[in-house]
C-alpha atoms as a PDB file:
ATOM      1  CA  MET A   1      30.799  18.066  -0.802  1.00  0.00           C
ATOM      2  CA  ARG A   2      31.735  14.684  -2.249  1.00  0.00           C
ATOM      3  CA  LEU A   3      29.628  11.743  -1.075  1.00  0.00           C
ATOM      4  CA  LEU A   4      30.343   8.059  -1.463  1.00  0.00           C
ATOM      5  CA  MET A   5      27.123   6.155  -0.791  1.00  0.00           C
ATOM      6  CA  LEU A   6      27.561   2.447  -0.166  1.00  0.00           C
ATOM      7  CA  GLY A   7      24.316   1.102  -1.550  1.00  0.00           C
ATOM      8  CA  GLY A   8      22.090   3.942  -2.619  1.00  0.00           C
ATOM      9  CA  THR A   9      19.521   2.313  -4.880  1.00  0.00           C
ATOM     10  CA  GLU A  10      16.923   1.424  -2.212  1.00  0.00           C
ATOM     11  CA  PHE A  11      15.094   3.075   0.703  1.00  0.00           C
ATOM     12  CA  ALA A  12      17.461   4.852   3.131  1.00  0.00           C
ATOM     13  CA  GLY A  13      20.455   4.845   0.819  1.00  0.00           C
ATOM     14  CA  ARG A  14      18.408   6.164  -2.077  1.00  0.00           C
ATOM     15  CA  ALA A  15      16.987   8.935   0.098  1.00  0.00           C
ATOM     16  CA  VAL A  16      20.519  10.004   1.090  1.00  0.00           C
ATOM     17  CA  VAL A  17      21.598  10.071  -2.554  1.00  0.00           C
ATOM     18  CA  GLU A  18      18.589  12.112  -3.656  1.00  0.00           C
ATOM     19  CA  ALA A  19      19.041  14.569  -0.775  1.00  0.00           C
ATOM     20  CA  ALA A  20      22.733  15.013  -1.605  1.00  0.00           C
ATOM     21  CA  LEU A  21      21.996  15.571  -5.285  1.00  0.00           C
ATOM     22  CA  GLY A  22      19.384  18.112  -4.226  1.00  0.00           C
ATOM     23  CA  ARG A  23      22.110  20.001  -2.369  1.00  0.00           C
ATOM     24  CA  GLY A  24      24.334  19.991  -5.426  1.00  0.00           C
ATOM     25  CA  TRP A  25      26.823  17.495  -4.010  1.00  0.00           C
ATOM     26  CA  ASP A  26      29.046  15.294  -6.125  1.00  0.00           C
ATOM     27  CA  VAL A  27      27.650  11.796  -5.525  1.00  0.00           C
ATOM     28  CA  THR A  28      29.167   8.377  -6.180  1.00  0.00           C
ATOM     29  CA  VAL A  29      27.073   5.261  -5.534  1.00  0.00           C
ATOM     30  CA  PHE A  30      28.769   1.915  -4.950  1.00  0.00           C
ATOM     31  CA  HIS A  31      26.278  -0.887  -5.604  1.00  0.00           C
ATOM     32  CA  ARG A  32      25.788  -4.325  -7.089  1.00  0.00           C
ATOM     33  CA  GLY A  33      23.971  -3.165 -10.200  1.00  0.00           C
ATOM     34  CA  ARG A  34      20.657  -4.832  -9.414  1.00  0.00           C
ATOM     35  CA  ARG A  35      18.866  -1.478  -9.647  1.00  0.00           C
ATOM     36  CA  GLU A  36      19.711   1.831 -11.227  1.00  0.00           C
ATOM     37  CA  ALA A  37      21.256   4.559  -9.114  1.00  0.00           C
ATOM     38  CA  PRO A  38      19.280   7.835  -9.023  1.00  0.00           C
ATOM     39  CA  PRO A  39      19.894  10.060 -12.079  1.00  0.00           C
ATOM     40  CA  GLY A  40      22.824  12.413 -11.535  1.00  0.00           C
ATOM     41  CA  ALA A  41      24.873  10.007  -9.432  1.00  0.00           C
ATOM     42  CA  ARG A  42      28.009   8.243 -10.647  1.00  0.00           C
ATOM     43  CA  SER A  43      27.927   4.441 -10.293  1.00  0.00           C
ATOM     44  CA  LEU A  44      30.721   2.128  -9.207  1.00  0.00           C
ATOM     45  CA  LEU A  45      29.832  -1.563  -9.294  1.00  0.00           C
ATOM     46  CA  GLY A  46      30.950  -4.148  -6.753  1.00  0.00           C
ATOM     47  CA  ASP A  47      29.795  -6.751  -4.256  1.00  0.00           C
ATOM     48  CA  ARG A  48      31.099  -6.481  -0.699  1.00  0.00           C
ATOM     49  CA  THR A  49      30.485 -10.180  -0.114  1.00  0.00           C
ATOM     50  CA  ALA A  50      32.621 -11.326  -3.066  1.00  0.00           C
ATOM     51  CA  PRO A  51      36.394 -11.780  -3.313  1.00  0.00           C
ATOM     52  CA  ASP A  52      37.925  -8.568  -4.646  1.00  0.00           C
ATOM     53  CA  GLY A  53      34.434  -7.071  -4.472  1.00  0.00           C
ATOM     54  CA  LEU A  54      35.782  -3.633  -3.475  1.00  0.00           C
ATOM     55  CA  ALA A  55      38.084  -3.286  -6.479  1.00  0.00           C
ATOM     56  CA  SER A  56      36.150  -0.367  -7.979  1.00  0.00           C
ATOM     57  CA  LEU A  57      36.838   1.623  -4.770  1.00  0.00           C
ATOM     58  CA  ALA A  58      40.604   1.332  -5.119  1.00  0.00           C
ATOM     59  CA  GLU A  59      40.835   4.969  -6.221  1.00  0.00           C
ATOM     60  CA  GLY A  60      38.953   8.156  -5.399  1.00  0.00           C
ATOM     61  CA  GLU A  61      38.571  10.626  -2.535  1.00  0.00           C
ATOM     62  CA  TRP A  62      35.444  11.756  -0.723  1.00  0.00           C
ATOM     63  CA  ASP A  63      34.369  14.090   2.062  1.00  0.00           C
ATOM     64  CA  VAL A  64      31.937  11.591   3.550  1.00  0.00           C
ATOM     65  CA  VAL A  65      31.076   7.921   3.226  1.00  0.00           C
ATOM     66  CA  VAL A  66      27.568   6.759   4.191  1.00  0.00           C
ATOM     67  CA  ASP A  67      27.029   3.068   4.867  1.00  0.00           C
ATOM     68  CA  THR A  68      23.725   1.302   5.631  1.00  0.00           C
ATOM     69  CA  TRP A  69      25.097  -2.278   5.733  1.00  0.00           C
ATOM     70  CA  SER A  70      23.229  -4.674   8.036  1.00  0.00           C
ATOM     71  CA  ALA A  71      24.861  -8.070   7.492  1.00  0.00           C
ATOM     72  CA  ALA A  72      28.361  -9.371   8.357  1.00  0.00           C
ATOM     73  CA  PRO A  73      30.314  -6.633  10.188  1.00  0.00           C
ATOM     74  CA  HIS A  74      33.572  -7.586   8.506  1.00  0.00           C
ATOM     75  CA  ALA A  75      32.211  -6.024   5.291  1.00  0.00           C
ATOM     76  CA  VAL A  76      32.093  -2.650   7.072  1.00  0.00           C
ATOM     77  CA  ARG A  77      35.560  -3.308   8.519  1.00  0.00           C
ATOM     78  CA  ASP A  78      37.052  -4.022   5.084  1.00  0.00           C
ATOM     79  CA  THR A  79      35.437  -0.991   3.467  1.00  0.00           C
ATOM     80  CA  ALA A  80      36.385   1.398   6.273  1.00  0.00           C
ATOM     81  CA  ARG A  81      39.988   0.203   6.238  1.00  0.00           C
ATOM     82  CA  LEU A  82      40.177   0.668   2.484  1.00  0.00           C
ATOM     83  CA  LEU A  83      38.768   4.198   2.583  1.00  0.00           C
ATOM     84  CA  ARG A  84      40.165   5.680   5.805  1.00  0.00           C
ATOM     85  CA  GLY A  85      42.998   7.528   4.068  1.00  0.00           C
ATOM     86  CA  ARG A  86      40.782   8.823   1.272  1.00  0.00           C
ATOM     87  CA  ALA A  87      37.642  10.038   3.044  1.00  0.00           C
ATOM     88  CA  ASP A  88      37.159  12.516   5.864  1.00  0.00           C
ATOM     89  CA  ARG A  89      34.189  10.999   7.693  1.00  0.00           C
ATOM     90  CA  TYR A  90      32.311   7.686   7.873  1.00  0.00           C
ATOM     91  CA  VAL A  91      28.593   7.713   8.689  1.00  0.00           C
ATOM     92  CA  TYR A  92      27.254   4.299   9.623  1.00  0.00           C
ATOM     93  CA  VAL A  93      23.467   3.936   9.707  1.00  0.00           C
ATOM     94  CA  SER A  94      22.976   1.655  12.670  1.00  0.00           C
ATOM     95  CA  SER A  95      19.895   0.897  14.775  1.00  0.00           C
ATOM     96  CA  CYS A  96      18.475   1.453  18.233  1.00  0.00           C
ATOM     97  CA  SER A  97      18.498  -2.359  18.381  1.00  0.00           C
ATOM     98  CA  VAL A  98      22.149  -2.165  19.469  1.00  0.00           C
ATOM     99  CA  TYR A  99      21.081  -1.305  23.034  1.00  0.00           C
ATOM    100  CA  ALA A 100      21.026  -4.141  25.557  1.00  0.00           C
ATOM    101  CA  TRP A 101      17.510  -5.438  26.099  1.00  0.00           C
ATOM    102  CA  ALA A 102      15.457  -3.973  27.508  1.00  0.00           C
ATOM    103  CA  PRO A 103      16.464  -0.320  27.484  1.00  0.00           C
ATOM    104  CA  PRO A 104      14.408   1.802  29.898  1.00  0.00           C
ATOM    105  CA  ALA A 105      12.026   4.483  28.694  1.00  0.00           C
ATOM    106  CA  GLY A 106      13.971   7.649  27.964  1.00  0.00           C
ATOM    107  CA  TYR A 107      17.244   5.870  27.235  1.00  0.00           C
ATOM    108  CA  GLY A 108      20.034   7.936  25.719  1.00  0.00           C
ATOM    109  CA  GLU A 109      23.129   7.145  23.717  1.00  0.00           C
ATOM    110  CA  ASP A 110      24.982   6.152  26.876  1.00  0.00           C
ATOM    111  CA  ALA A 111      22.638   3.209  27.613  1.00  0.00           C
ATOM    112  CA  PRO A 112      24.299  -0.247  27.834  1.00  0.00           C
ATOM    113  CA  LEU A 113      24.949  -1.921  24.486  1.00  0.00           C
ATOM    114  CA  VAL A 114      24.484  -5.517  23.359  1.00  0.00           C
ATOM    115  CA  GLU A 115      27.399  -7.800  24.118  1.00  0.00           C
ATOM    116  CA  GLY A 116      29.107 -10.297  21.858  1.00  0.00           C
ATOM    117  CA  ALA A 117      29.479  -8.082  18.789  1.00  0.00           C
ATOM    118  CA  SER A 118      32.738  -7.790  16.843  1.00  0.00           C
ATOM    119  CA  ALA A 119      34.008  -5.854  13.837  1.00  0.00           C
ATOM    120  CA  GLU A 120      35.612  -9.097  12.637  1.00  0.00           C
ATOM    121  CA  ALA A 121      32.441 -11.180  12.731  1.00  0.00           C
ATOM    122  CA  GLY A 122      30.500 -12.851   9.996  1.00  0.00           C
ATOM    123  CA  GLN A 123      26.730 -12.475   9.906  1.00  0.00           C
ATOM    124  CA  THR A 124      24.975 -13.495  13.136  1.00  0.00           C
ATOM    125  CA  ASP A 125      21.821 -11.610  14.120  1.00  0.00           C
ATOM    126  CA  TYR A 126      20.579  -8.118  13.311  1.00  0.00           C
ATOM    127  CA  LEU A 127      21.452  -6.405  16.573  1.00  0.00           C
ATOM    128  CA  ARG A 128      24.994  -7.817  16.801  1.00  0.00           C
ATOM    129  CA  ASP A 129      25.560  -7.249  13.101  1.00  0.00           C
ATOM    130  CA  LYS A 130      24.645  -3.586  13.531  1.00  0.00           C
ATOM    131  CA  ARG A 131      26.748  -3.199  16.668  1.00  0.00           C
ATOM    132  CA  GLY A 132      29.627  -4.937  14.918  1.00  0.00           C
ATOM    133  CA  GLY A 133      29.232  -2.482  12.046  1.00  0.00           C
ATOM    134  CA  GLU A 134      29.513   0.390  14.520  1.00  0.00           C
ATOM    135  CA  LEU A 135      32.699  -1.062  15.940  1.00  0.00           C
ATOM    136  CA  ALA A 136      34.110  -1.519  12.446  1.00  0.00           C
ATOM    137  CA  ALA A 137      33.364   2.087  11.460  1.00  0.00           C
ATOM    138  CA  VAL A 138      35.032   3.428  14.613  1.00  0.00           C
ATOM    139  CA  GLU A 139      38.001   1.099  14.177  1.00  0.00           C
ATOM    140  CA  GLY A 140      38.530   2.304  10.620  1.00  0.00           C
ATOM    141  CA  PHE A 141      37.997   6.039  11.031  1.00  0.00           C
ATOM    142  CA  GLY A 142      38.375   6.685  14.740  1.00  0.00           C
ATOM    143  CA  ALA A 143      35.768   8.004  17.149  1.00  0.00           C
ATOM    144  CA  ASP A 144      36.360  11.585  16.023  1.00  0.00           C
ATOM    145  CA  ARG A 145      35.653  10.891  12.335  1.00  0.00           C
ATOM    146  CA  SER A 146      32.766   8.436  12.546  1.00  0.00           C
ATOM    147  CA  VAL A 147      29.049   9.030  13.090  1.00  0.00           C
ATOM    148  CA  LEU A 148      26.803   6.244  14.371  1.00  0.00           C
ATOM    149  CA  VAL A 149      23.198   6.873  13.379  1.00  0.00           C
ATOM    150  CA  ARG A 150      21.067   4.732  15.689  1.00  0.00           C
ATOM    151  CA  ALA A 151      17.849   4.913  13.749  1.00  0.00           C
ATOM    152  CA  GLY A 152      14.550   3.644  15.037  1.00  0.00           C
ATOM    153  CA  LEU A 153      11.511   2.951  12.896  1.00  0.00           C
ATOM    154  CA  ILE A 154      12.061   4.386   9.400  1.00  0.00           C
ATOM    155  CA  LEU A 155       9.050   5.235   7.214  1.00  0.00           C
ATOM    156  CA  GLY A 156       8.507   7.030   3.927  1.00  0.00           C
ATOM    157  CA  PRO A 157       8.757   6.606   0.155  1.00  0.00           C
ATOM    158  CA  TYR A 158      10.785   3.639  -1.177  1.00  0.00           C
ATOM    159  CA  GLU A 159      10.094   1.597   1.968  1.00  0.00           C
ATOM    160  CA  ASN A 160      11.068  -2.022   1.346  1.00  0.00           C
ATOM    161  CA  VAL A 161      10.332  -3.407   4.819  1.00  0.00           C
ATOM    162  CA  GLY A 162       6.541  -3.546   4.541  1.00  0.00           C
ATOM    163  CA  ARG A 163       5.227  -1.463   7.431  1.00  0.00           C
ATOM    164  CA  LEU A 164       3.597   1.726   6.147  1.00  0.00           C
ATOM    165  CA  PRO A 165       2.892   0.177   2.708  1.00  0.00           C
ATOM    166  CA  TRP A 166       0.925  -2.589   4.428  1.00  0.00           C
ATOM    167  CA  TRP A 167      -1.232  -0.139   6.364  1.00  0.00           C
ATOM    168  CA  LEU A 168      -1.871   1.933   3.247  1.00  0.00           C
ATOM    169  CA  THR A 169      -2.817  -1.124   1.215  1.00  0.00           C
ATOM    170  CA  ARG A 170      -5.095  -2.343   4.004  1.00  0.00           C
ATOM    171  CA  MET A 171      -6.839   1.029   4.260  1.00  0.00           C
ATOM    172  CA  ALA A 172      -7.285   1.198   0.489  1.00  0.00           C
ATOM    173  CA  ARG A 173      -9.121  -2.157   0.620  1.00  0.00           C
ATOM    174  CA  GLY A 174     -11.674  -0.469   2.873  1.00  0.00           C
ATOM    175  CA  GLY A 175     -14.208  -1.901   5.263  1.00  0.00           C
ATOM    176  CA  PRO A 176     -13.774  -2.365   9.012  1.00  0.00           C
ATOM    177  CA  VAL A 177     -10.094  -2.215   9.998  1.00  0.00           C
ATOM    178  CA  LEU A 178      -8.650  -3.600  13.219  1.00  0.00           C
ATOM    179  CA  ALA A 179      -6.966  -0.516  14.688  1.00  0.00           C
ATOM    180  CA  PRO A 180      -4.676  -1.339  17.629  1.00  0.00           C
ATOM    181  CA  GLY A 181      -5.227   0.992  20.543  1.00  0.00           C
ATOM    182  CA  PRO A 182      -5.077   3.156  22.329  1.00  0.00           C
ATOM    183  CA  ARG A 183      -5.546   5.936  19.765  1.00  0.00           C
ATOM    184  CA  GLY A 184      -3.228   8.211  21.709  1.00  0.00           C
ATOM    185  CA  LEU A 185      -0.362   5.720  21.918  1.00  0.00           C
ATOM    186  CA  PRO A 186       2.795   7.809  21.291  1.00  0.00           C
ATOM    187  CA  LEU A 187       5.067   6.718  18.453  1.00  0.00           C
ATOM    188  CA  GLN A 188       8.638   7.427  17.451  1.00  0.00           C
ATOM    189  CA  TYR A 189       9.843   7.059  13.879  1.00  0.00           C
ATOM    190  CA  VAL A 190      11.784   9.036  11.311  1.00  0.00           C
ATOM    191  CA  ASP A 191      10.779   9.890   7.766  1.00  0.00           C
ATOM    192  CA  VAL A 192      13.541   8.490   5.570  1.00  0.00           C
ATOM    193  CA  ARG A 193      14.027  11.908   3.943  1.00  0.00           C
ATOM    194  CA  ASP A 194      14.465  13.605   7.325  1.00  0.00           C
ATOM    195  CA  LEU A 195      16.996  10.908   8.200  1.00  0.00           C
ATOM    196  CA  ALA A 196      18.851  11.647   4.971  1.00  0.00           C
ATOM    197  CA  GLU A 197      18.906  15.402   5.514  1.00  0.00           C
ATOM    198  CA  TRP A 198      20.171  14.962   9.069  1.00  0.00           C
ATOM    199  CA  ILE A 199      22.991  12.678   7.879  1.00  0.00           C
ATOM    200  CA  LEU A 200      24.136  15.242   5.316  1.00  0.00           C
ATOM    201  CA  GLY A 201      23.941  18.012   7.896  1.00  0.00           C
ATOM    202  CA  ALA A 202      25.995  15.933  10.307  1.00  0.00           C
ATOM    203  CA  ALA A 203      28.672  15.562   7.640  1.00  0.00           C
ATOM    204  CA  GLU A 204      28.692  19.285   6.943  1.00  0.00           C
ATOM    205  CA  GLN A 205      28.995  20.080  10.666  1.00  0.00           C
ATOM    206  CA  GLY A 206      31.759  17.511  11.207  1.00  0.00           C
ATOM    207  CA  LEU A 207      29.797  15.661  13.885  1.00  0.00           C
ATOM    208  CA  SER A 208      30.957  12.412  15.434  1.00  0.00           C
ATOM    209  CA  GLY A 209      29.724   9.787  17.867  1.00  0.00           C
ATOM    210  CA  PRO A 210      26.356   8.050  18.362  1.00  0.00           C
ATOM    211  CA  TYR A 211      22.939   9.636  17.890  1.00  0.00           C
ATOM    212  CA  ASN A 212      19.473   8.231  18.488  1.00  0.00           C
ATOM    213  CA  LEU A 213      17.751   9.247  15.276  1.00  0.00           C
ATOM    214  CA  MET A 214      13.952   9.363  15.366  1.00  0.00           C
ATOM    215  CA  SER A 215      11.212  11.852  16.107  1.00  0.00           C
ATOM    216  CA  PRO A 216      10.442  13.061  19.623  1.00  0.00           C
ATOM    217  CA  GLN A 217       8.021  10.715  21.367  1.00  0.00           C
ATOM    218  CA  GLY A 218       4.469  11.688  20.501  1.00  0.00           C
ATOM    219  CA  HIS A 219       5.378  13.441  17.242  1.00  0.00           C
ATOM    220  CA  ALA A 220       2.705  11.050  15.979  1.00  0.00           C
ATOM    221  CA  THR A 221       0.316   8.616  17.644  1.00  0.00           C
ATOM    222  CA  MET A 222      -1.375   5.460  16.395  1.00  0.00           C
ATOM    223  CA  GLY A 223      -4.424   7.636  15.893  1.00  0.00           C
ATOM    224  CA  THR A 224      -2.794  10.323  13.786  1.00  0.00           C
ATOM    225  CA  LEU A 225      -0.905   7.718  11.745  1.00  0.00           C
ATOM    226  CA  LEU A 226      -3.910   5.522  10.950  1.00  0.00           C
ATOM    227  CA  ASP A 227      -6.259   8.470  10.457  1.00  0.00           C
ATOM    228  CA  ALA A 228      -3.825   9.823   7.857  1.00  0.00           C
ATOM    229  CA  CYS A 229      -3.646   6.417   6.156  1.00  0.00           C
ATOM    230  CA  ALA A 230      -7.443   6.134   6.010  1.00  0.00           C
ATOM    231  CA  ARG A 231      -7.872   9.662   4.708  1.00  0.00           C
ATOM    232  CA  VAL A 232      -5.210   9.602   1.995  1.00  0.00           C
ATOM    233  CA  THR A 233      -6.437   6.286   0.557  1.00  0.00           C
ATOM    234  CA  GLY A 234      -9.938   7.598  -0.001  1.00  0.00           C
ATOM    235  CA  GLY A 235     -11.746   7.240   3.307  1.00  0.00           C
ATOM    236  CA  ALA A 236     -13.281   3.817   2.598  1.00  0.00           C
ATOM    237  CA  ALA A 237     -11.750   2.293   5.733  1.00  0.00           C
ATOM    238  CA  GLU A 238     -13.620   2.240   9.041  1.00  0.00           C
ATOM    239  CA  LEU A 239     -11.188   2.173  11.960  1.00  0.00           C
ATOM    240  CA  ARG A 240     -12.318  -0.141  14.766  1.00  0.00           C
ATOM    241  CA  TRP A 241     -10.147   0.746  17.744  1.00  0.00           C
ATOM    242  CA  THR A 242      -9.383  -2.319  19.810  1.00  0.00           C
ATOM    243  CA  GLU A 243      -7.880  -2.711  23.279  1.00  0.00           C
ATOM    244  CA  PRO A 244      -4.326  -4.093  23.455  1.00  0.00           C
ATOM    245  CA  GLU A 245      -5.418  -6.986  25.692  1.00  0.00           C
ATOM    246  CA  VAL A 246      -7.911  -8.181  23.079  1.00  0.00           C
ATOM    247  CA  ILE A 247      -5.255  -8.126  20.367  1.00  0.00           C
ATOM    248  CA  LEU A 248      -2.727 -10.011  22.474  1.00  0.00           C
ATOM    249  CA  ASP A 249      -5.304 -12.554  23.633  1.00  0.00           C
ATOM    250  CA  ALA A 250      -6.073 -13.278  19.975  1.00  0.00           C
ATOM    251  CA  GLY A 251      -2.428 -14.279  19.463  1.00  0.00           C
ATOM    252  CA  ILE A 252      -1.675 -11.339  17.165  1.00  0.00           C
ATOM    253  CA  GLU A 253       2.023 -10.473  17.149  1.00  0.00           C
ATOM    254  CA  PRO A 254       2.828  -6.793  17.765  1.00  0.00           C
ATOM    255  CA  TRP A 255       5.174  -5.012  15.336  1.00  0.00           C
ATOM    256  CA  ILE A 256       5.035  -7.880  12.809  1.00  0.00           C
ATOM    257  CA  GLN A 257       1.349  -8.630  12.231  1.00  0.00           C
ATOM    258  CA  LEU A 258       0.291  -5.107  13.166  1.00  0.00           C
ATOM    259  CA  PRO A 259       3.239  -3.051  11.890  1.00  0.00           C
ATOM    260  CA  VAL A 260       4.462  -0.076  13.957  1.00  0.00           C
ATOM    261  CA  TRP A 261       2.230  -0.975  16.930  1.00  0.00           C
ATOM    262  CA  VAL A 262       3.515  -2.407  20.205  1.00  0.00           C
ATOM    263  CA  PRO A 263       1.431  -2.499  23.398  1.00  0.00           C
ATOM    264  CA  PRO A 264       1.748   0.423  25.814  1.00  0.00           C
ATOM    265  CA  GLY A 265       3.712  -0.173  28.981  1.00  0.00           C
ATOM    266  CA  SER A 266       5.702  -3.016  27.440  1.00  0.00           C
ATOM    267  CA  ASP A 267       9.457  -3.447  27.096  1.00  0.00           C
ATOM    268  CA  MET A 268       8.956  -3.244  23.328  1.00  0.00           C
ATOM    269  CA  HIS A 269       7.247   0.131  23.562  1.00  0.00           C
ATOM    270  CA  ASP A 270       9.991   1.517  25.784  1.00  0.00           C
ATOM    271  CA  ALA A 271      12.632   0.246  23.367  1.00  0.00           C
ATOM    272  CA  LEU A 272      10.989   1.246  20.087  1.00  0.00           C
ATOM    273  CA  HIS A 273       9.005   4.376  20.905  1.00  0.00           C
ATOM    274  CA  SER A 274      10.601   5.954  24.006  1.00  0.00           C
ATOM    275  CA  ALA A 275      14.186   6.966  23.205  1.00  0.00           C
ATOM    276  CA  ASP A 276      15.763  10.264  24.226  1.00  0.00           C
ATOM    277  CA  VAL A 277      16.494  12.072  20.943  1.00  0.00           C
ATOM    278  CA  SER A 278      17.559  15.435  22.365  1.00  0.00           C
ATOM    279  CA  ARG A 279      21.098  15.042  21.006  1.00  0.00           C
ATOM    280  CA  ALA A 280      19.898  14.609  17.419  1.00  0.00           C
ATOM    281  CA  LEU A 281      17.407  17.469  17.753  1.00  0.00           C
ATOM    282  CA  ALA A 282      20.162  19.770  19.025  1.00  0.00           C
ATOM    283  CA  ALA A 283      22.234  18.739  16.003  1.00  0.00           C
ATOM    284  CA  GLY A 284      19.542  19.769  13.535  1.00  0.00           C
ATOM    285  CA  LEU A 285      16.986  16.966  13.238  1.00  0.00           C
ATOM    286  CA  ARG A 286      13.709  18.260  11.815  1.00  0.00           C
ATOM    287  CA  CYS A 287      10.681  15.986  11.454  1.00  0.00           C
ATOM    288  CA  ARG A 288       7.932  16.612   8.926  1.00  0.00           C
ATOM    289  CA  PRO A 289       4.269  15.981   9.858  1.00  0.00           C
ATOM    290  CA  VAL A 290       3.049  12.396   9.779  1.00  0.00           C
ATOM    291  CA  GLU A 291       0.396  13.398   7.244  1.00  0.00           C
ATOM    292  CA  GLU A 292       3.121  14.360   4.764  1.00  0.00           C
ATOM    293  CA  THR A 293       5.000  11.098   5.257  1.00  0.00           C
ATOM    294  CA  VAL A 294       1.816   9.093   4.714  1.00  0.00           C
ATOM    295  CA  ALA A 295       0.644  11.076   1.673  1.00  0.00           C
ATOM    296  CA  ASP A 296       4.014  10.926  -0.074  1.00  0.00           C
ATOM    297  CA  THR A 297       4.369   7.202   0.605  1.00  0.00           C
ATOM    298  CA  TRP A 298       0.909   6.596  -0.853  1.00  0.00           C
ATOM    299  CA  SER A 299       1.777   8.651  -3.956  1.00  0.00           C
ATOM    300  CA  TRP A 300       4.964   6.648  -4.443  1.00  0.00           C
ATOM    301  CA  LEU A 301       3.177   3.344  -3.870  1.00  0.00           C
ATOM    302  CA  ARG A 302       0.557   4.163  -6.499  1.00  0.00           C
ATOM    303  CA  SER A 303       3.276   5.280  -8.917  1.00  0.00           C
ATOM    304  CA  ILE A 304       4.803   1.787  -8.863  1.00  0.00           C
ATOM    305  CA  GLY A 305       1.530  -0.084  -9.256  1.00  0.00           C
ATOM    306  CA  GLY A 306       0.563  -0.431  -5.613  1.00  0.00           C
ATOM    307  CA  VAL A 307       2.986  -3.219  -4.690  1.00  0.00           C
ATOM    308  CA  ALA A 308       5.963  -2.194  -2.569  1.00  0.00           C
ATOM    309  CA  PRO A 309       9.358  -3.902  -2.922  1.00  0.00           C
ATOM    310  CA  GLN A 310      10.200  -6.307  -0.114  1.00  0.00           C
ATOM    311  CA  ARG A 311      13.630  -7.055   1.281  1.00  0.00           C
ATOM    312  CA  THR A 312      14.204 -10.784   1.326  1.00  0.00           C
ATOM    313  CA  ASP A 313      16.176 -10.567   4.580  1.00  0.00           C
ATOM    314  CA  ARG A 314      13.262  -9.041   6.522  1.00  0.00           C
ATOM    315  CA  THR A 315      10.131 -10.727   7.839  1.00  0.00           C
ATOM    316  CA  ARG A 316       6.923 -10.060   5.932  1.00  0.00           C
ATOM    317  CA  LYS A 317       4.545  -7.763   7.782  1.00  0.00           C
ATOM    318  CA  GLY A 318       0.798  -7.679   8.084  1.00  0.00           C
ATOM    319  CA  LEU A 319      -2.299  -9.364   9.513  1.00  0.00           C
ATOM    320  CA  ASP A 320      -4.100 -12.203   7.794  1.00  0.00           C
ATOM    321  CA  PRO A 321      -7.577 -10.978   6.714  1.00  0.00           C
ATOM    322  CA  GLU A 322      -9.248 -14.024   8.272  1.00  0.00           C
ATOM    323  CA  VAL A 323      -7.661 -13.321  11.660  1.00  0.00           C
ATOM    324  CA  GLU A 324      -8.658  -9.683  11.443  1.00  0.00           C
ATOM    325  CA  ALA A 325     -12.227 -10.575  10.497  1.00  0.00           C
ATOM    326  CA  LYS A 326     -12.501 -13.068  13.363  1.00  0.00           C
ATOM    327  CA  VAL A 327     -11.429 -10.493  15.973  1.00  0.00           C
ATOM    328  CA  LEU A 328     -13.731  -7.848  14.511  1.00  0.00           C
ATOM    329  CA  ALA A 329     -16.645 -10.277  14.357  1.00  0.00           C
ATOM    330  CA  ALA A 330     -16.301 -10.881  18.081  1.00  0.00           C
ATOM    331  CA  GLY A 331     -17.475  -7.321  18.508  1.00  0.00           C
ATOM    332  CA  THR A 332     -14.381  -6.115  20.325  1.00  0.00           C
ATOM    333  CA  GLY A 333     -13.654  -3.131  18.105  1.00  0.00           C
ATOM    334  CA  ALA A 334     -15.299   0.227  18.615  1.00  0.00           C
END
């Protein structure tokens, strides 16, 4: 198989490239040259935001194009139009954020979608940019030759968003840790490598259409995730499980200040940790244990000096130590 990866030097794109190389595929990476493509991949340089920025893609044929773009949809439109006669399938890595707020618990791919998105649009906001990217992919390749990967929370090595790396760094610092409860709160996420393998399998099977792409609900819980983080970093952290009401009353922002966590029974939990993923599972999604995701992310983080890269277009994650200490000092953790 011949893969054209648009991006491919960071997080999800890099995982797709490495997985494809591991399968013996012929891999071309189109990127801006800010970082090296994985060894074994062919590089084509260009900038989708610049005039004539797609010039290096003027020639070539591929079996599948994978695109993780999350800014102005017209960049996806231009690329898909350029490639539609020279590639068999277009896989666009979208987001479960494209569903109209707030999707009910158990929502499937047929849930209502956000309005106001367009394939022709410039950059607006994340959810409409992603939905616009979906529309652009389908416009360029048709519904029968495009795959819309509506990913949820993505974790694993190379993470540049700051969620799992923050928890690992916090656990490594040790001492009492504010652990947002309840312990058994079910989570949904996908290891970036499982995402990559599913995308390649979808291309091989000739799949099309939208797929919610994350683990089954309860594949991990806040307890199993944070226990794994504490254990792999040396066991110096003491988890102090704290009731959601206490956290919210302290003005702590779910998802941002306490990454991954959102309070049970909330619209956010239904939207982020309650999707129906039966379609993706039937199409071959396999999810490795949370302990493996955590251990491999910690190994990667240590290999690069303990400081994870951070995307400049994403909010910084994590809780200020003084805020954490104040809540813990009030004696609310147990």
